[in-house]
Amino acid sequence: MPWELREHAGRHYAVLFHYALPDDAWAVELSEAVPASTKGAENPNASVTHLPGAAFLVALVPDEDPNLQPTVRIYSPDDRVVPYEVMCWFMEQVADQGGTLPHRVRAGRT
């Protein structure tokens, strides 16, 4: 499962991509990244400093029915604050999975 990392204000965030078969959709998950282990057996690629943590936002981008829009599920028992720049980055990742999002149309990025 591929992922992308981003640092913002000293915190690391990860976006993980995978196919959610029960939902017939691509899942794009946002999490706060956790430090990767420094042990070689657990981290054969020493250049990886952070790994995706537990997802707190999951966007589902349907690929079977073009009439369905992406949806976002929130999984957070905490009072979590997501910085605006991180949320924009996450939503761009969702849109890149094939979703049509109104903010991209208004910004001329269709």
C-alpha atoms as a PDB file:
ATOM      1  CA  MET A   1       0.000   0.000   0.000  1.00  0.00           C
ATOM      2  CA  PRO A   2       1.633   3.232  -1.077  1.00  0.00           C
ATOM      3  CA  TRP A   3       1.674   6.296   1.122  1.00  0.00           C
ATOM      4  CA  GLU A   4       2.887   9.887   1.101  1.00  0.00           C
ATOM      5  CA  LEU A   5       4.259  11.889   3.994  1.00  0.00           C
ATOM      6  CA  ARG A   6       4.132  15.588   4.827  1.00  0.00           C
ATOM      7  CA  GLU A   7       5.493  17.589   7.717  1.00  0.00           C
ATOM      8  CA  HIS A   8       3.605  20.586   9.037  1.00  0.00           C
ATOM      9  CA  ALA A   9       4.556  22.649  12.104  1.00  0.00           C
ATOM     10  CA  GLY A  10       6.792  19.889  13.447  1.00  0.00           C
ATOM     11  CA  ARG A  11       4.201  17.118  13.071  1.00  0.00           C
ATOM     12  CA  HIS A  12       4.263  14.405  10.436  1.00  0.00           C
ATOM     13  CA  TYR A  13       1.153  13.312   8.545  1.00  0.00           C
ATOM     14  CA  ALA A  14       0.629  10.386   6.197  1.00  0.00           C
ATOM     15  CA  VAL A  15      -1.831   9.672   3.421  1.00  0.00           C
ATOM     16  CA  LEU A  16      -2.224   5.976   2.700  1.00  0.00           C
ATOM     17  CA  PHE A  17      -3.916   4.594  -0.433  1.00  0.00           C
ATOM     18  CA  HIS A  18      -5.585   1.198  -0.784  1.00  0.00           C
ATOM     19  CA  TYR A  19      -8.612  -0.427  -2.363  1.00  0.00           C
ATOM     20  CA  ALA A  20     -11.537  -1.061   0.015  1.00  0.00           C
ATOM     21  CA  LEU A  21     -13.222  -4.053  -1.585  1.00  0.00           C
ATOM     22  CA  PRO A  22     -16.367  -4.026   0.629  1.00  0.00           C
ATOM     23  CA  ASP A  23     -17.003  -0.409  -0.415  1.00  0.00           C
ATOM     24  CA  ASP A  24     -16.024  -0.854  -4.099  1.00  0.00           C
ATOM     25  CA  ALA A  25     -13.932   2.252  -3.663  1.00  0.00           C
ATOM     26  CA  TRP A  26     -10.406   3.560  -3.291  1.00  0.00           C
ATOM     27  CA  ALA A  27      -9.668   4.483   0.303  1.00  0.00           C
ATOM     28  CA  VAL A  28      -7.481   7.486   1.057  1.00  0.00           C
ATOM     29  CA  GLU A  29      -6.565   7.583   4.750  1.00  0.00           C
ATOM     30  CA  LEU A  30      -5.126  10.517   6.695  1.00  0.00           C
ATOM     31  CA  SER A  31      -3.179   9.813   9.862  1.00  0.00           C
ATOM     32  CA  GLU A  32      -0.540  11.330  12.056  1.00  0.00           C
ATOM     33  CA  ALA A  33       2.622   9.499  11.035  1.00  0.00           C
ATOM     34  CA  VAL A  34       4.594   7.591  13.641  1.00  0.00           C
ATOM     35  CA  PRO A  35       8.379   7.296  13.774  1.00  0.00           C
ATOM     36  CA  ALA A  36       9.710   4.245  11.964  1.00  0.00           C
ATOM     37  CA  SER A  37      11.692   1.747  13.980  1.00  0.00           C
ATOM     38  CA  THR A  38      15.446   2.076  13.674  1.00  0.00           C
ATOM     39  CA  LYS A  39      15.867  -1.701  13.782  1.00  0.00           C
ATOM     40  CA  GLY A  40      16.983  -3.070  10.429  1.00  0.00           C
ATOM     41  CA  ALA A  41      14.655  -6.088  10.491  1.00  0.00           C
ATOM     42  CA  GLU A  42      11.624  -3.875  10.996  1.00  0.00           C
ATOM     43  CA  ASN A  43      12.848  -1.081   8.730  1.00  0.00           C
ATOM     44  CA  PRO A  44      14.968  -2.429   5.855  1.00  0.00           C
ATOM     45  CA  ASN A  45      14.749   0.984   4.161  1.00  0.00           C
ATOM     46  CA  ALA A  46      16.605   3.263   6.575  1.00  0.00           C
ATOM     47  CA  SER A  47      15.523   6.339   4.604  1.00  0.00           C
ATOM     48  CA  VAL A  48      11.951   5.830   5.846  1.00  0.00           C
ATOM     49  CA  THR A  49      11.684   7.949   8.977  1.00  0.00           C
ATOM     50  CA  HIS A  50       7.903   7.802   9.529  1.00  0.00           C
ATOM     51  CA  LEU A  51       5.108   5.369   8.760  1.00  0.00           C
ATOM     52  CA  PRO A  52       1.334   5.881   8.596  1.00  0.00           C
ATOM     53  CA  GLY A  53      -0.393   5.710  11.966  1.00  0.00           C
ATOM     54  CA  ALA A  54      -4.020   4.948  12.768  1.00  0.00           C
ATOM     55  CA  ALA A  55      -6.298   6.726  10.296  1.00  0.00           C
ATOM     56  CA  PHE A  56      -8.552   9.462  11.635  1.00  0.00           C
ATOM     57  CA  LEU A  57     -10.002  10.538   8.268  1.00  0.00           C
ATOM     58  CA  VAL A  58     -10.876   8.083   5.497  1.00  0.00           C
ATOM     59  CA  ALA A  59     -12.164   9.219   2.124  1.00  0.00           C
ATOM     60  CA  LEU A  60     -13.833   6.601  -0.031  1.00  0.00           C
ATOM     61  CA  VAL A  61     -13.696   7.278  -3.766  1.00  0.00           C
ATOM     62  CA  PRO A  62     -16.109   4.964  -5.627  1.00  0.00           C
ATOM     63  CA  ASP A  63     -14.780   3.602  -8.896  1.00  0.00           C
ATOM     64  CA  GLU A  64     -17.656   1.356  -9.988  1.00  0.00           C
ATOM     65  CA  ASP A  65     -20.408   3.985 -10.318  1.00  0.00           C
ATOM     66  CA  PRO A  66     -19.390   7.342 -11.874  1.00  0.00           C
ATOM     67  CA  ASN A  67     -22.495   8.990 -10.372  1.00  0.00           C
ATOM     68  CA  LEU A  68     -21.325   8.430  -6.798  1.00  0.00           C
ATOM     69  CA  GLN A  69     -19.323  11.147  -5.042  1.00  0.00           C
ATOM     70  CA  PRO A  70     -16.466  10.603  -2.606  1.00  0.00           C
ATOM     71  CA  THR A  71     -17.401  10.468   1.065  1.00  0.00           C
ATOM     72  CA  VAL A  72     -15.285  11.152   4.155  1.00  0.00           C
ATOM     73  CA  ARG A  73     -15.531   9.186   7.371  1.00  0.00           C
ATOM     74  CA  ILE A  74     -14.137  10.523  10.638  1.00  0.00           C
ATOM     75  CA  TYR A  75     -12.565   8.111  13.119  1.00  0.00           C
ATOM     76  CA  SER A  76     -11.371  10.065  16.111  1.00  0.00           C
ATOM     77  CA  PRO A  77     -12.355   9.714  19.739  1.00  0.00           C
ATOM     78  CA  ASP A  78     -10.016  12.631  20.502  1.00  0.00           C
ATOM     79  CA  ASP A  79     -10.637  16.296  19.943  1.00  0.00           C
ATOM     80  CA  ARG A  80      -8.280  16.307  16.958  1.00  0.00           C
ATOM     81  CA  VAL A  81      -7.316  19.457  15.100  1.00  0.00           C
ATOM     82  CA  VAL A  82      -6.249  19.124  11.462  1.00  0.00           C
ATOM     83  CA  PRO A  83      -4.309  22.102  10.076  1.00  0.00           C
ATOM     84  CA  TYR A  84      -5.908  23.703   7.028  1.00  0.00           C
ATOM     85  CA  GLU A  85      -2.853  23.043   4.812  1.00  0.00           C
ATOM     86  CA  VAL A  86      -2.886  19.367   5.773  1.00  0.00           C
ATOM     87  CA  MET A  87      -6.624  19.113   5.050  1.00  0.00           C
ATOM     88  CA  CYS A  88      -6.121  20.730   1.625  1.00  0.00           C
ATOM     89  CA  TRP A  89      -3.280  18.311   0.868  1.00  0.00           C
ATOM     90  CA  PHE A  90      -5.490  15.375   1.916  1.00  0.00           C
ATOM     91  CA  MET A  91      -8.409  16.552  -0.233  1.00  0.00           C
ATOM     92  CA  GLU A  92      -6.085  16.995  -3.233  1.00  0.00           C
ATOM     93  CA  GLN A  93      -5.002  13.377  -2.759  1.00  0.00           C
ATOM     94  CA  VAL A  94      -8.669  12.339  -2.680  1.00  0.00           C
ATOM     95  CA  ALA A  95      -9.398  14.316  -5.851  1.00  0.00           C
ATOM     96  CA  ASP A  96      -6.413  12.720  -7.580  1.00  0.00           C
ATOM     97  CA  GLN A  97      -8.037   9.321  -7.018  1.00  0.00           C
ATOM     98  CA  GLY A  98     -10.740  10.292  -9.495  1.00  0.00           C
ATOM     99  CA  GLY A  99     -13.237  12.129  -7.331  1.00  0.00           C
ATOM    100  CA  THR A 100     -14.866  15.334  -8.478  1.00  0.00           C
ATOM    101  CA  LEU A 101     -14.703  17.859  -5.687  1.00  0.00           C
ATOM    102  CA  PRO A 102     -16.407  21.263  -5.907  1.00  0.00           C
ATOM    103  CA  HIS A 103     -13.406  23.188  -4.528  1.00  0.00           C
ATOM    104  CA  ARG A 104     -11.261  21.938  -7.419  1.00  0.00           C
ATOM    105  CA  VAL A 105     -13.823  23.110  -9.956  1.00  0.00           C
ATOM    106  CA  ARG A 106     -14.059  26.567  -8.357  1.00  0.00           C
ATOM    107  CA  ALA A 107     -10.277  26.813  -8.359  1.00  0.00           C
ATOM    108  CA  GLY A 108     -10.151  25.919 -12.058  1.00  0.00           C
ATOM    109  CA  ARG A 109      -8.364  22.614 -11.441  1.00  0.00           C
ATOM    110  CA  THR A 110     -10.818  20.224 -13.077  1.00  0.00           C
END
